[in-house]
């Protein structure tokens, strides 16, 4: 699942949870909602089944540390693209490489730097300048 993108829904909202909730709190909220949704009258069955499936999907994503971490990273990335202007798209090989620090850098027009460690290059596509609000997208 690490390679495929998690369908973008606000799974925290589905469970009535917050990103700071512990796995135990997430599980409690999941179980409470699952029981409520399962116990509803037959007249509302179709909508309730859809809602139950949605709650179950939220739990499957947020209840697993790996998929929750991936989902949180995707949410942050999506928020960055919505909130900050994308200044430029850069290929990783066009950035300066520092072998000692295992770090790619690129100078920003403000005089600051965009920096990304080699170990982060697979997980990071947007990088903020360290002194201003400009953002670049790293293309691989």
N, C-alpha and C. Protein backbone atom coordinates (compact mmCIF):
# COMPACT_ATOMS: atom_id res chain seq x y z
N UNK A 1 0.81 -1.19 0.00
CA UNK A 1 0.00 0.00 0.00
C UNK A 1 0.86 1.26 0.00
N UNK A 2 2.12 1.12 0.40
CA UNK A 2 3.00 2.29 0.49
C UNK A 2 3.15 2.98 -0.85
N UNK A 3 3.06 2.24 -1.96
CA UNK A 3 3.28 2.85 -3.26
C UNK A 3 2.00 3.44 -3.84
N UNK A 4 0.83 2.97 -3.45
CA UNK A 4 -0.39 3.54 -3.98
C UNK A 4 -0.90 4.64 -3.08
N UNK A 5 -1.50 5.64 -3.66
CA UNK A 5 -1.97 6.80 -2.93
C UNK A 5 -3.28 6.47 -2.22
N UNK A 6 -3.38 6.83 -0.97
CA UNK A 6 -4.60 6.61 -0.19
C UNK A 6 -5.66 7.60 -0.69
N UNK A 7 -6.86 7.08 -0.94
CA UNK A 7 -7.94 7.93 -1.41
C UNK A 7 -8.12 9.11 -0.46
N UNK A 8 -8.17 10.32 -1.01
CA UNK A 8 -8.15 11.52 -0.19
C UNK A 8 -9.51 11.85 0.40
N UNK A 9 -9.74 11.39 1.58
CA UNK A 9 -10.87 11.73 2.43
C UNK A 9 -10.27 12.14 3.75
N UNK A 10 -10.99 12.91 4.51
CA UNK A 10 -10.49 13.27 5.82
C UNK A 10 -10.92 12.18 6.79
N UNK A 11 -10.08 11.14 6.93
CA UNK A 11 -10.42 9.99 7.75
C UNK A 11 -10.53 10.35 9.22
N UNK A 12 -9.81 11.37 9.66
CA UNK A 12 -9.96 11.81 11.04
C UNK A 12 -11.38 12.34 11.26
N UNK A 13 -11.87 13.11 10.31
CA UNK A 13 -13.22 13.66 10.41
C UNK A 13 -14.26 12.55 10.43
N UNK A 14 -14.05 11.52 9.61
CA UNK A 14 -14.98 10.38 9.56
C UNK A 14 -15.13 9.75 10.94
N UNK A 15 -14.02 9.61 11.65
CA UNK A 15 -14.06 8.99 12.98
C UNK A 15 -14.32 10.00 14.10
N UNK A 16 -14.42 11.29 13.75
CA UNK A 16 -14.57 12.30 14.79
C UNK A 16 -13.32 12.39 15.65
N UNK A 17 -12.16 12.24 15.01
CA UNK A 17 -10.89 12.17 15.71
C UNK A 17 -9.98 13.33 15.32
N UNK A 18 -8.82 13.39 16.00
CA UNK A 18 -7.80 14.39 15.70
C UNK A 18 -6.49 13.66 15.42
N UNK A 19 -5.58 14.26 14.63
CA UNK A 19 -4.28 13.62 14.38
C UNK A 19 -3.51 13.32 15.66
N UNK A 20 -3.78 14.03 16.72
CA UNK A 20 -3.07 13.81 17.98
C UNK A 20 -3.65 12.65 18.80
N UNK A 21 -4.77 12.08 18.36
CA UNK A 21 -5.38 10.97 19.10
C UNK A 21 -4.47 9.75 19.08
N UNK A 22 -4.44 9.06 20.19
CA UNK A 22 -3.63 7.83 20.30
C UNK A 22 -4.34 6.70 19.56
N UNK A 23 -3.61 5.63 19.23
CA UNK A 23 -4.26 4.47 18.61
C UNK A 23 -5.43 3.94 19.44
N UNK A 24 -5.31 3.97 20.76
CA UNK A 24 -6.40 3.50 21.63
C UNK A 24 -7.63 4.40 21.49
N UNK A 25 -7.41 5.73 21.42
CA UNK A 25 -8.54 6.65 21.23
C UNK A 25 -9.18 6.45 19.87
N UNK A 26 -8.37 6.25 18.83
CA UNK A 26 -8.91 5.99 17.50
C UNK A 26 -9.75 4.72 17.50
N UNK A 27 -9.25 3.68 18.15
CA UNK A 27 -9.98 2.41 18.20
C UNK A 27 -11.30 2.58 18.94
N UNK A 28 -11.29 3.31 20.06
CA UNK A 28 -12.51 3.54 20.83
C UNK A 28 -13.55 4.28 19.99
N UNK A 29 -13.10 5.32 19.26
CA UNK A 29 -14.02 6.09 18.42
C UNK A 29 -14.56 5.23 17.27
N UNK A 30 -13.68 4.42 16.69
CA UNK A 30 -14.09 3.50 15.63
C UNK A 30 -15.16 2.53 16.15
N UNK A 31 -14.89 1.89 17.28
CA UNK A 31 -15.82 0.91 17.81
C UNK A 31 -17.16 1.54 18.17
N UNK A 32 -17.14 2.71 18.76
CA UNK A 32 -18.38 3.40 19.13
C UNK A 32 -19.20 3.70 17.88
N UNK A 33 -18.57 4.27 16.87
CA UNK A 33 -19.29 4.60 15.63
C UNK A 33 -19.76 3.35 14.90
N UNK A 34 -18.92 2.33 14.87
CA UNK A 34 -19.29 1.10 14.19
C UNK A 34 -20.53 0.49 14.83
N UNK A 35 -20.58 0.48 16.16
CA UNK A 35 -21.75 -0.06 16.86
C UNK A 35 -22.99 0.79 16.60
N UNK A 36 -22.83 2.11 16.63
CA UNK A 36 -23.97 2.99 16.36
C UNK A 36 -24.50 2.79 14.94
N UNK A 37 -23.61 2.70 14.00
CA UNK A 37 -24.02 2.54 12.60
C UNK A 37 -24.65 1.18 12.35
N UNK A 38 -24.16 0.16 13.01
CA UNK A 38 -24.68 -1.19 12.81
C UNK A 38 -26.06 -1.37 13.44
N UNK A 39 -26.40 -0.57 14.44
CA UNK A 39 -27.64 -0.75 15.19
C UNK A 39 -28.81 0.08 14.67
N UNK A 40 -28.69 0.68 13.53
CA UNK A 40 -29.72 1.60 13.02
C UNK A 40 -30.87 0.86 12.33
N UNK A 41 -32.02 1.47 12.27
CA UNK A 41 -33.22 0.86 11.67
C UNK A 41 -33.03 0.54 10.20
N UNK A 42 -33.80 -0.43 9.72
CA UNK A 42 -33.69 -0.92 8.35
C UNK A 42 -34.01 0.15 7.31
N UNK A 43 -34.86 1.11 7.64
CA UNK A 43 -35.24 2.16 6.69
C UNK A 43 -34.03 2.98 6.24
N UNK A 44 -33.06 3.09 7.11
CA UNK A 44 -31.86 3.87 6.79
C UNK A 44 -30.70 2.97 6.43
N UNK A 45 -30.96 1.72 6.17
CA UNK A 45 -29.92 0.71 6.00
C UNK A 45 -28.90 1.05 4.92
N UNK A 46 -29.35 1.45 3.75
CA UNK A 46 -28.41 1.70 2.65
C UNK A 46 -27.43 2.82 2.98
N UNK A 47 -27.94 3.93 3.49
CA UNK A 47 -27.06 5.04 3.87
C UNK A 47 -26.16 4.64 5.02
N UNK A 48 -26.67 3.89 5.95
CA UNK A 48 -25.89 3.46 7.10
C UNK A 48 -24.81 2.47 6.70
N UNK A 49 -25.09 1.63 5.73
CA UNK A 49 -24.07 0.68 5.24
C UNK A 49 -22.93 1.46 4.59
N UNK A 50 -23.29 2.46 3.78
CA UNK A 50 -22.27 3.30 3.15
C UNK A 50 -21.43 4.00 4.21
N UNK A 51 -22.10 4.52 5.23
CA UNK A 51 -21.39 5.21 6.32
C UNK A 51 -20.52 4.24 7.10
N UNK A 52 -21.03 3.04 7.36
CA UNK A 52 -20.26 2.02 8.07
C UNK A 52 -19.00 1.67 7.28
N UNK A 53 -19.13 1.50 5.97
CA UNK A 53 -17.98 1.18 5.12
C UNK A 53 -16.96 2.32 5.17
N UNK A 54 -17.46 3.55 5.16
CA UNK A 54 -16.57 4.71 5.24
C UNK A 54 -15.83 4.74 6.59
N UNK A 55 -16.54 4.48 7.68
CA UNK A 55 -15.93 4.45 9.01
C UNK A 55 -14.90 3.33 9.09
N UNK A 56 -15.24 2.17 8.54
CA UNK A 56 -14.32 1.04 8.54
C UNK A 56 -13.06 1.36 7.74
N UNK A 57 -13.21 2.03 6.59
CA UNK A 57 -12.05 2.41 5.78
C UNK A 57 -11.17 3.40 6.53
N UNK A 58 -11.81 4.36 7.23
CA UNK A 58 -11.03 5.32 8.03
C UNK A 58 -10.22 4.58 9.09
N UNK A 59 -10.82 3.61 9.74
CA UNK A 59 -10.11 2.85 10.77
C UNK A 59 -8.96 2.05 10.15
N UNK A 60 -9.19 1.44 9.01
CA UNK A 60 -8.13 0.65 8.36
C UNK A 60 -6.92 1.51 8.04
N UNK A 61 -7.15 2.75 7.65
CA UNK A 61 -6.04 3.65 7.31
C UNK A 61 -5.42 4.24 8.57
N UNK A 62 -6.23 4.75 9.48
CA UNK A 62 -5.70 5.43 10.66
C UNK A 62 -5.30 4.47 11.77
N UNK A 63 -5.79 3.25 11.75
CA UNK A 63 -5.46 2.28 12.78
C UNK A 63 -4.14 1.57 12.56
N UNK A 64 -3.55 1.74 11.39
CA UNK A 64 -2.27 1.12 11.05
C UNK A 64 -1.22 2.23 11.03
N UNK A 65 -0.14 2.06 11.78
CA UNK A 65 0.87 3.12 11.89
C UNK A 65 1.44 3.54 10.53
N UNK A 66 1.75 2.57 9.69
CA UNK A 66 2.35 2.88 8.39
C UNK A 66 1.39 3.66 7.49
N UNK A 67 0.17 3.18 7.35
CA UNK A 67 -0.78 3.87 6.47
C UNK A 67 -1.20 5.21 7.07
N UNK A 68 -1.27 5.29 8.40
CA UNK A 68 -1.59 6.56 9.05
C UNK A 68 -0.50 7.58 8.79
N UNK A 69 0.76 7.18 8.91
CA UNK A 69 1.89 8.08 8.65
C UNK A 69 1.87 8.55 7.19
N UNK A 70 1.62 7.61 6.27
CA UNK A 70 1.55 7.95 4.85
C UNK A 70 0.40 8.92 4.58
N UNK A 71 -0.75 8.65 5.19
CA UNK A 71 -1.91 9.53 5.03
C UNK A 71 -1.60 10.93 5.56
N UNK A 72 -1.00 11.01 6.75
CA UNK A 72 -0.65 12.32 7.33
C UNK A 72 0.31 13.09 6.43
N UNK A 73 1.31 12.39 5.86
CA UNK A 73 2.25 13.04 4.94
C UNK A 73 1.53 13.57 3.71
N UNK A 74 0.61 12.79 3.17
CA UNK A 74 -0.15 13.22 2.00
C UNK A 74 -1.03 14.42 2.32
N UNK A 75 -1.63 14.42 3.50
CA UNK A 75 -2.45 15.55 3.92
C UNK A 75 -1.61 16.82 4.01
N UNK A 76 -0.42 16.70 4.63
CA UNK A 76 0.46 17.87 4.75
C UNK A 76 0.89 18.36 3.36
N UNK A 77 1.22 17.42 2.48
CA UNK A 77 1.63 17.81 1.13
C UNK A 77 0.48 18.50 0.40
N UNK A 78 -0.71 17.96 0.50
CA UNK A 78 -1.87 18.59 -0.13
C UNK A 78 -2.13 19.98 0.43
N UNK A 79 -1.98 20.14 1.74
CA UNK A 79 -2.17 21.44 2.36
C UNK A 79 -1.11 22.44 1.90
N UNK A 80 0.12 21.98 1.72
CA UNK A 80 1.17 22.87 1.22
C UNK A 80 0.84 23.39 -0.16
N UNK A 81 0.36 22.52 -1.04
CA UNK A 81 0.07 22.95 -2.41
C UNK A 81 -1.13 23.89 -2.43
N UNK A 82 -2.03 23.77 -1.48
CA UNK A 82 -3.19 24.66 -1.43
C UNK A 82 -2.84 26.00 -0.81
N UNK A 83 -1.98 25.98 0.20
CA UNK A 83 -1.71 27.19 0.97
C UNK A 83 -0.55 28.03 0.45
N UNK A 84 0.46 27.41 -0.11
CA UNK A 84 1.64 28.14 -0.53
C UNK A 84 1.80 28.07 -2.03
N UNK A 85 2.26 29.15 -2.61
CA UNK A 85 2.46 29.13 -4.06
C UNK A 85 3.64 28.24 -4.44
N UNK A 86 3.46 27.48 -5.48
CA UNK A 86 4.54 26.65 -6.00
C UNK A 86 5.41 27.54 -6.86
N UNK A 87 6.64 27.76 -6.42
CA UNK A 87 7.55 28.67 -7.10
C UNK A 87 8.12 28.05 -8.37
N UNK A 88 8.50 26.78 -8.29
CA UNK A 88 9.20 26.18 -9.42
C UNK A 88 9.19 24.66 -9.29
N UNK A 89 9.33 24.00 -10.43
CA UNK A 89 9.51 22.55 -10.43
C UNK A 89 10.96 22.28 -10.82
N UNK A 90 11.65 21.48 -10.03
CA UNK A 90 13.08 21.24 -10.19
C UNK A 90 13.35 19.75 -10.21
N UNK A 91 14.22 19.33 -11.09
CA UNK A 91 14.68 17.94 -11.07
C UNK A 91 15.77 17.80 -10.01
N UNK A 92 15.73 16.69 -9.32
CA UNK A 92 16.68 16.45 -8.24
C UNK A 92 18.12 16.61 -8.72
N UNK A 93 18.40 16.14 -9.93
CA UNK A 93 19.77 16.23 -10.44
C UNK A 93 20.21 17.67 -10.74
N UNK A 94 19.27 18.63 -10.76
CA UNK A 94 19.61 20.04 -10.96
C UNK A 94 19.96 20.74 -9.65
N UNK A 95 19.81 20.03 -8.54
CA UNK A 95 20.16 20.60 -7.24
C UNK A 95 21.62 20.28 -6.93
N UNK A 96 22.23 21.06 -6.04
CA UNK A 96 23.62 20.83 -5.64
C UNK A 96 23.67 19.67 -4.65
N UNK A 97 24.65 18.78 -4.82
CA UNK A 97 24.79 17.61 -3.97
C UNK A 97 25.95 17.79 -3.03
N UNK A 98 25.75 17.54 -1.74
CA UNK A 98 26.81 17.59 -0.73
C UNK A 98 27.00 16.16 -0.22
N UNK A 99 28.08 15.53 -0.65
CA UNK A 99 28.36 14.13 -0.30
C UNK A 99 28.52 13.93 1.20
N UNK A 100 29.21 14.86 1.87
CA UNK A 100 29.45 14.72 3.31
C UNK A 100 28.16 14.71 4.12
N UNK A 101 27.24 15.60 3.77
CA UNK A 101 25.98 15.70 4.51
C UNK A 101 24.87 14.85 3.90
N UNK A 102 25.12 14.26 2.72
CA UNK A 102 24.10 13.49 2.00
C UNK A 102 22.86 14.37 1.81
N UNK A 103 23.08 15.58 1.25
CA UNK A 103 22.05 16.61 1.19
C UNK A 103 22.04 17.28 -0.18
N UNK A 104 20.83 17.44 -0.72
CA UNK A 104 20.63 18.21 -1.94
C UNK A 104 20.20 19.61 -1.53
N UNK A 105 20.75 20.64 -2.18
CA UNK A 105 20.35 22.02 -1.87
C UNK A 105 20.17 22.80 -3.17
N UNK A 106 19.39 23.86 -3.06
CA UNK A 106 19.17 24.78 -4.17
C UNK A 106 18.96 26.16 -3.56
N UNK A 107 19.61 27.17 -4.13
CA UNK A 107 19.45 28.53 -3.62
C UNK A 107 18.11 29.10 -4.05
N UNK A 108 17.47 29.79 -3.12
CA UNK A 108 16.22 30.47 -3.39
C UNK A 108 16.52 31.90 -3.81
N UNK A 109 15.59 32.53 -4.47
CA UNK A 109 15.81 33.91 -4.91
C UNK A 109 15.92 34.89 -3.74
N UNK A 110 15.44 34.47 -2.55
CA UNK A 110 15.52 35.34 -1.36
C UNK A 110 16.88 35.25 -0.69
N UNK A 111 17.71 34.29 -1.11
CA UNK A 111 19.01 34.09 -0.48
C UNK A 111 19.03 32.89 0.44
N UNK A 112 17.86 32.32 0.72
CA UNK A 112 17.77 31.13 1.55
C UNK A 112 18.04 29.88 0.71
N UNK A 113 17.74 28.73 1.27
CA UNK A 113 17.99 27.47 0.58
C UNK A 113 16.81 26.51 0.70
N UNK A 114 16.65 25.73 -0.35
CA UNK A 114 15.78 24.56 -0.31
C UNK A 114 16.72 23.39 -0.04
N UNK A 115 16.40 22.56 0.94
CA UNK A 115 17.28 21.45 1.29
C UNK A 115 16.47 20.18 1.47
N UNK A 116 17.03 19.07 0.97
CA UNK A 116 16.39 17.77 1.17
C UNK A 116 17.49 16.72 1.30
N UNK A 117 17.40 15.91 2.36
CA UNK A 117 18.36 14.84 2.56
C UNK A 117 18.08 13.70 1.58
N UNK A 118 19.13 13.01 1.19
CA UNK A 118 19.00 11.90 0.25
C UNK A 118 17.98 10.88 0.74
N UNK A 119 17.97 10.62 2.04
CA UNK A 119 17.05 9.64 2.62
C UNK A 119 15.59 10.07 2.50
N UNK A 120 15.33 11.35 2.27
CA UNK A 120 13.97 11.87 2.17
C UNK A 120 13.47 11.97 0.73
N UNK A 121 14.34 11.77 -0.24
CA UNK A 121 13.96 12.05 -1.62
C UNK A 121 12.81 11.20 -2.14
N UNK A 122 12.63 10.00 -1.62
CA UNK A 122 11.51 9.15 -2.07
C UNK A 122 10.18 9.62 -1.48
N UNK A 123 10.21 10.21 -0.27
CA UNK A 123 8.99 10.60 0.44
C UNK A 123 8.59 12.06 0.24
N UNK A 124 9.52 12.90 -0.19
CA UNK A 124 9.27 14.33 -0.26
C UNK A 124 9.19 14.78 -1.71
N UNK A 125 8.14 15.52 -2.04
CA UNK A 125 8.09 16.10 -3.37
C UNK A 125 8.03 17.63 -3.30
N UNK A 126 7.61 18.17 -2.16
CA UNK A 126 7.56 19.61 -1.97
C UNK A 126 8.55 20.01 -0.89
N UNK A 127 9.32 21.08 -1.17
CA UNK A 127 10.33 21.54 -0.22
C UNK A 127 10.17 23.04 -0.05
N UNK A 128 10.13 23.48 1.21
CA UNK A 128 10.00 24.90 1.53
C UNK A 128 11.38 25.54 1.64
N UNK A 129 11.47 26.79 1.26
CA UNK A 129 12.68 27.57 1.49
C UNK A 129 12.86 27.74 2.99
N UNK A 130 14.12 27.75 3.44
CA UNK A 130 14.36 27.86 4.88
C UNK A 130 14.22 29.29 5.41
N UNK A 131 14.01 30.28 4.52
CA UNK A 131 13.86 31.66 5.01
C UNK A 131 12.61 32.38 4.50
N UNK A 132 11.96 31.88 3.47
CA UNK A 132 10.75 32.55 2.98
C UNK A 132 9.64 31.52 2.76
N UNK A 133 8.55 31.92 2.17
CA UNK A 133 7.40 31.02 2.03
C UNK A 133 7.34 30.31 0.67
N UNK A 134 8.36 30.48 -0.16
CA UNK A 134 8.33 29.83 -1.47
C UNK A 134 8.54 28.32 -1.35
N UNK A 135 7.94 27.60 -2.27
CA UNK A 135 7.98 26.13 -2.28
C UNK A 135 8.39 25.67 -3.67
N UNK A 136 9.24 24.64 -3.72
CA UNK A 136 9.55 24.02 -5.01
C UNK A 136 9.03 22.58 -4.98
N UNK A 137 8.72 22.08 -6.16
CA UNK A 137 8.35 20.68 -6.30
C UNK A 137 9.54 19.96 -6.92
N UNK A 138 9.94 18.87 -6.29
CA UNK A 138 11.07 18.08 -6.81
C UNK A 138 10.53 16.99 -7.70
N UNK A 139 10.98 16.99 -8.93
CA UNK A 139 10.58 15.97 -9.89
C UNK A 139 11.65 14.90 -9.94
N UNK A 140 11.25 13.65 -10.05
CA UNK A 140 12.23 12.56 -10.05
C UNK A 140 12.36 11.97 -11.44
